[in-house]
Each structure stands twice: as structure tokens, then as C-alpha cells.
Amino acid sequence: MGFSVKFNWVLQIDTPESLSCGAVFPFQKQGNRIFPVDTPIDLIDPDRNAVARIKITSFTNSLDATTGYFEVMKLYSGNEKAVLTRYWIENEASN
């Protein structure tokens, strides 16, 4: 008997349409996950495009899902967004 859990240092979700710095948004992921709380991590979309620097403010695991909230710290753009997107795409290919 065991309990499966994933440790995540990135949040990959369909991103809300109107992100802004300081705003707080809910999220939900299937399965049980552990995120660093109040620690900066990246927010990426399903295509692995870097979107923002965020911090998870809280999360809860239930039988089949993880729900929580994140706060936007910084929106990525320009060269920074391109470099981080390339990193996340290459990171997926190496797994």
C-alpha cells in the first residue's frame, strides 16, 4: 500500500486570461502534488511557454486532485520569456 505524490517546482496549467502582478488565482491539478509554498517558481502553459514568476500561497491534496492558490510576482516578456520557454521545452525533452 502506498501513496503516489509528485514534487513540482513549476506550475503548468491553462493560464488565466488577465494575469497581473499581485493578483491571486486558484488552480487545480489532477493527482497529488507538493509545491514549495511562498517560494518563487515559474508558471507555464500547457505548451510549456513561460508565462510568469509566481508563488504558491497554499495548496490542499484530496483523493485525486491538488487545489490551491498562486500569486503573480512578475509577468515574463521579451528575451526573458523566450529564454525561459526554451528551457522548459528542452527540460521536457530530456525527461
Protein backbone atom coordinates (compact mmCIF):
# COMPACT_ATOMS: atom_id res chain seq x y z
CA MET A 1 0.00 0.00 0.00
CA GLY A 2 1.40 3.39 -0.92
CA PHE A 3 0.63 6.96 -1.71
CA SER A 4 1.76 8.49 -5.00
CA VAL A 5 2.80 12.14 -4.91
CA LYS A 6 4.74 14.41 -7.29
CA PHE A 7 7.04 17.21 -6.19
CA ASN A 8 6.65 20.18 -8.53
CA TRP A 9 8.93 23.21 -8.93
CA VAL A 10 6.79 24.63 -11.76
CA LEU A 11 3.04 25.11 -12.13
CA GLN A 12 1.79 24.04 -15.58
CA ILE A 13 -1.85 25.00 -16.19
CA ASP A 14 -4.14 26.75 -18.65
CA THR A 15 -3.29 30.27 -17.57
CA PRO A 16 -5.95 32.82 -16.64
CA GLU A 17 -6.57 35.42 -19.35
CA SER A 18 -5.89 38.54 -17.32
CA LEU A 19 -2.79 37.96 -15.19
CA SER A 20 -1.42 40.95 -13.31
CA CYS A 21 1.26 41.37 -10.69
CA GLY A 22 -0.04 40.92 -7.17
CA ALA A 23 -3.22 39.14 -8.29
CA VAL A 24 -4.12 35.79 -6.71
CA PHE A 25 -5.64 32.94 -8.73
CA PRO A 26 -6.91 29.43 -7.93
CA PHE A 27 -5.51 26.32 -9.61
CA GLN A 28 -6.31 22.62 -9.78
CA LYS A 29 -4.15 19.70 -10.93
CA GLN A 30 -5.03 16.01 -11.17
CA GLY A 31 -3.17 13.75 -8.77
CA ASN A 32 -1.40 14.58 -5.56
CA ARG A 33 1.38 17.14 -5.73
CA ILE A 34 3.61 19.06 -3.39
CA PHE A 35 4.67 22.62 -4.21
CA PRO A 36 7.06 24.93 -2.38
CA VAL A 37 4.95 27.49 -0.51
CA ASP A 38 5.87 31.20 -0.62
CA THR A 39 8.86 30.39 -2.84
CA PRO A 40 9.18 31.78 -6.40
CA ILE A 41 8.54 29.23 -9.17
CA ASP A 42 7.59 29.51 -12.85
CA LEU A 43 4.09 29.40 -14.28
CA ILE A 44 3.99 27.75 -17.70
CA ASP A 45 1.13 26.97 -20.07
CA PRO A 46 0.32 23.50 -21.49
CA ASP A 47 2.70 24.17 -24.43
CA ARG A 48 5.47 24.92 -21.90
CA ASN A 49 5.62 28.66 -22.67
CA ALA A 50 6.96 30.62 -19.71
CA VAL A 51 4.23 32.99 -18.52
CA ALA A 52 5.10 34.40 -15.11
CA ARG A 53 7.05 34.11 -11.88
CA ILE A 54 4.62 33.12 -9.14
CA LYS A 55 4.48 31.85 -5.61
CA ILE A 56 2.08 29.20 -4.37
CA THR A 57 0.34 30.64 -1.33
CA SER A 58 -1.48 27.45 -0.33
CA PHE A 59 -2.46 24.02 -1.64
CA THR A 60 -4.53 21.05 -0.50
CA ASN A 61 -4.46 17.43 -1.63
CA SER A 62 -7.65 15.37 -1.88
CA LEU A 63 -8.09 11.82 -3.14
CA ASP A 64 -7.50 12.60 -6.82
CA ALA A 65 -6.53 16.26 -7.07
CA THR A 66 -4.46 19.13 -5.77
CA THR A 67 -6.08 22.55 -5.45
CA GLY A 68 -4.55 25.79 -4.35
CA TYR A 69 -3.81 29.45 -4.93
CA PHE A 70 -0.90 31.30 -6.50
CA GLU A 71 0.14 34.95 -6.54
CA VAL A 72 1.70 36.54 -9.62
CA MET A 73 5.04 38.16 -8.83
CA LYS A 74 6.25 39.03 -12.35
CA LEU A 75 4.99 38.62 -15.93
CA TYR A 76 7.58 37.37 -18.42
CA SER A 77 8.10 39.12 -21.75
CA GLY A 78 10.68 39.64 -24.47
CA ASN A 79 14.02 37.84 -24.32
CA GLU A 80 13.46 36.61 -20.76
CA LYS A 81 10.23 34.85 -21.83
CA ALA A 82 11.98 33.33 -24.89
CA VAL A 83 14.94 32.01 -22.88
CA LEU A 84 12.74 30.51 -20.15
CA THR A 85 10.35 28.98 -22.67
CA ARG A 86 13.27 27.34 -24.45
CA TYR A 87 14.50 26.00 -21.08
CA TRP A 88 11.10 24.45 -20.22
CA ILE A 89 10.70 22.91 -23.68
CA GLU A 90 14.23 21.43 -23.54
CA ASN A 91 13.60 20.23 -19.99
CA GLU A 92 10.55 18.26 -21.14
CA ALA A 93 12.51 16.65 -23.98
CA SER A 94 15.18 15.39 -21.55
CA ASN A 95 12.69 13.66 -19.23
